[in-house]
Protein backbone atom coordinates (compact mmCIF):
# COMPACT_ATOMS: atom_id res chain seq x y z
CA ALA A 1 -8.48 19.24 -59.81
CA GLY A 2 -4.70 19.63 -59.74
CA SER A 3 -4.47 20.93 -56.14
CA GLU A 4 -2.41 18.43 -54.21
CA VAL A 5 -1.60 19.05 -50.61
CA ALA A 6 2.07 18.84 -49.71
CA PRO A 7 2.95 16.48 -46.87
CA PRO A 8 3.76 18.29 -43.59
CA PRO A 9 7.47 18.84 -42.95
CA PRO A 10 9.10 16.20 -40.72
CA PRO A 11 9.25 17.08 -37.04
CA PRO A 12 12.47 18.58 -35.88
CA GLN A 13 14.93 16.02 -34.56
CA PRO A 14 16.21 16.44 -30.97
CA SER A 15 19.78 17.55 -30.52
CA GLU A 16 22.41 15.15 -29.11
CA GLU A 17 22.25 17.03 -25.74
CA GLU A 18 18.44 16.62 -25.67
CA ARG A 19 18.71 12.93 -26.48
CA GLN A 20 21.33 12.45 -23.74
CA ALA A 21 19.17 14.33 -21.18
CA ARG A 22 16.15 12.27 -22.10
CA PHE A 23 18.17 9.08 -21.86
CA GLU A 24 19.40 9.96 -18.40
CA HIS A 25 15.92 10.94 -17.24
CA LEU A 26 14.48 7.62 -18.44
CA GLN A 27 17.32 5.73 -16.74
CA ARG A 28 16.55 7.49 -13.43
CA GLN A 29 12.84 6.80 -13.81
CA ARG A 30 13.56 3.14 -14.52
CA GLN A 31 15.82 2.81 -11.52
CA LEU A 32 13.19 4.40 -9.23
CA LEU A 33 10.59 1.97 -10.51
CA VAL A 34 12.92 -1.02 -9.98
CA GLU A 35 13.63 0.10 -6.43
CA LYS A 36 9.91 0.61 -5.75
CA ARG A 37 9.06 -2.77 -7.15
CA ASN A 38 11.77 -4.45 -5.03
CA LYS A 39 10.60 -2.69 -1.85
CA ASP A 40 7.00 -3.83 -2.54
CA ARG A 41 8.15 -7.42 -3.06
CA GLN A 42 10.22 -7.27 0.14
CA ARG A 43 7.15 -5.92 2.09
CA GLN A 44 4.97 -8.74 0.62
CA LEU A 45 7.56 -11.29 1.63
CA GLU A 46 7.83 -9.96 5.14
CA LYS A 47 4.01 -9.91 5.45
CA SER A 48 3.79 -13.41 4.15
CA GLU A 49 6.44 -14.56 6.64
CA MET A 50 4.49 -12.99 9.52
CA THR A 51 1.20 -14.53 8.53
CA LYS A 52 2.47 -18.10 8.05
CA SER A 53 1.26 -20.66 10.44
CA PRO A 54 3.75 -22.15 12.94
CA ASN A 55 3.66 -25.50 11.15
CA ARG A 56 4.52 -23.85 7.84
CA ARG A 57 7.37 -21.92 9.36
CA ALA A 58 8.79 -25.10 10.84
CA ALA A 59 8.49 -26.88 7.47
CA ASP A 60 10.38 -23.97 5.78
CA GLN A 61 13.14 -24.18 8.34
CA ALA A 62 13.45 -28.00 8.28
CA PRO A 63 16.47 -29.40 6.47
CA SER A 64 15.62 -30.82 3.07
CA SER A 65 17.40 -34.07 3.80
CA HIS A 66 14.34 -35.25 5.74
CA GLY A 67 12.07 -34.83 2.77
CA ALA A 68 12.00 -38.48 1.76
CA ALA A 69 11.28 -39.66 5.28
CA SER A 70 8.51 -37.16 5.89
CA GLY A 71 6.84 -37.63 2.45
CA PRO A 72 4.54 -40.52 3.39
CA SER A 73 3.61 -38.92 6.72
CA LEU A 74 2.89 -35.64 4.96
CA VAL A 75 0.60 -37.42 2.49
CA ARG A 76 -1.26 -39.11 5.38
CA GLU A 77 -1.57 -35.82 7.19
CA LEU A 78 -2.93 -33.94 4.20
CA THR A 79 -5.16 -36.65 2.90
CA GLY A 80 -6.47 -37.76 6.30
CA GLY A 81 -5.15 -41.29 5.79
CA THR A 82 -4.79 -43.90 8.42
CA GLY A 83 -1.73 -44.29 10.60
CA GLY A 84 -2.23 -41.08 12.60
CA THR A 85 -3.42 -40.84 16.13
CA GLY A 86 -7.17 -40.86 16.88
CA GLY A 87 -8.87 -37.58 17.40
CA THR A 88 -6.83 -35.61 14.84
CA ASP A 89 -9.71 -35.16 12.37
CA ALA A 90 -10.41 -31.70 13.79
CA ASN A 91 -6.73 -30.80 13.54
CA THR A 92 -6.53 -32.10 9.98
CA ALA A 93 -9.65 -30.19 8.97
CA THR A 94 -8.25 -27.02 10.48
CA ALA A 95 -4.88 -27.51 8.82
CA ALA A 96 -6.55 -28.16 5.54
CA GLN A 97 -8.64 -24.97 5.82
CA GLN A 98 -5.56 -22.96 6.68
CA MET A 99 -3.72 -24.44 3.65
CA ARG A 100 -6.66 -23.51 1.39
CA GLN A 101 -6.51 -19.95 2.72
CA VAL A 102 -2.79 -19.69 2.25
CA LEU A 103 -2.98 -20.97 -1.32
CA ALA A 104 -5.84 -18.61 -2.15
CA SER A 105 -3.87 -15.70 -0.73
CA GLN A 106 -0.80 -16.63 -2.71
CA LEU A 107 -2.85 -17.00 -5.85
CA LYS A 108 -4.34 -13.52 -5.36
CA GLN A 109 -0.89 -12.04 -4.92
CA THR A 110 0.36 -13.74 -8.00
CA ARG A 111 -2.63 -12.55 -10.04
CA ARG A 112 -2.02 -8.89 -8.87
CA GLY A 113 1.62 -9.09 -9.99
CA VAL A 114 0.69 -10.20 -13.55
């Protein structure tokens, strides 16, 4: 009952040269991954820019100083409020559907990135 098993010897430690080589390898791998991720993001951005509706592109390019003036009209447009011209219900419904599709697409892209 006195037979005790000796613990295994510790694994050999890498030499300083091996550590440096491993460090450099991991740095290169990390750099490659960062570049790949950045390229993927750039491709997604370009794809997103190409699929934007003309109204959305114009809104992105509009100067921000007009934000306060266009706020109430934007609310009316998105909520279908009064003050617009007659016969724009179909346009508003189409715009609302497009907005829902864009938001769903953006949400899907965001979820894939998490």
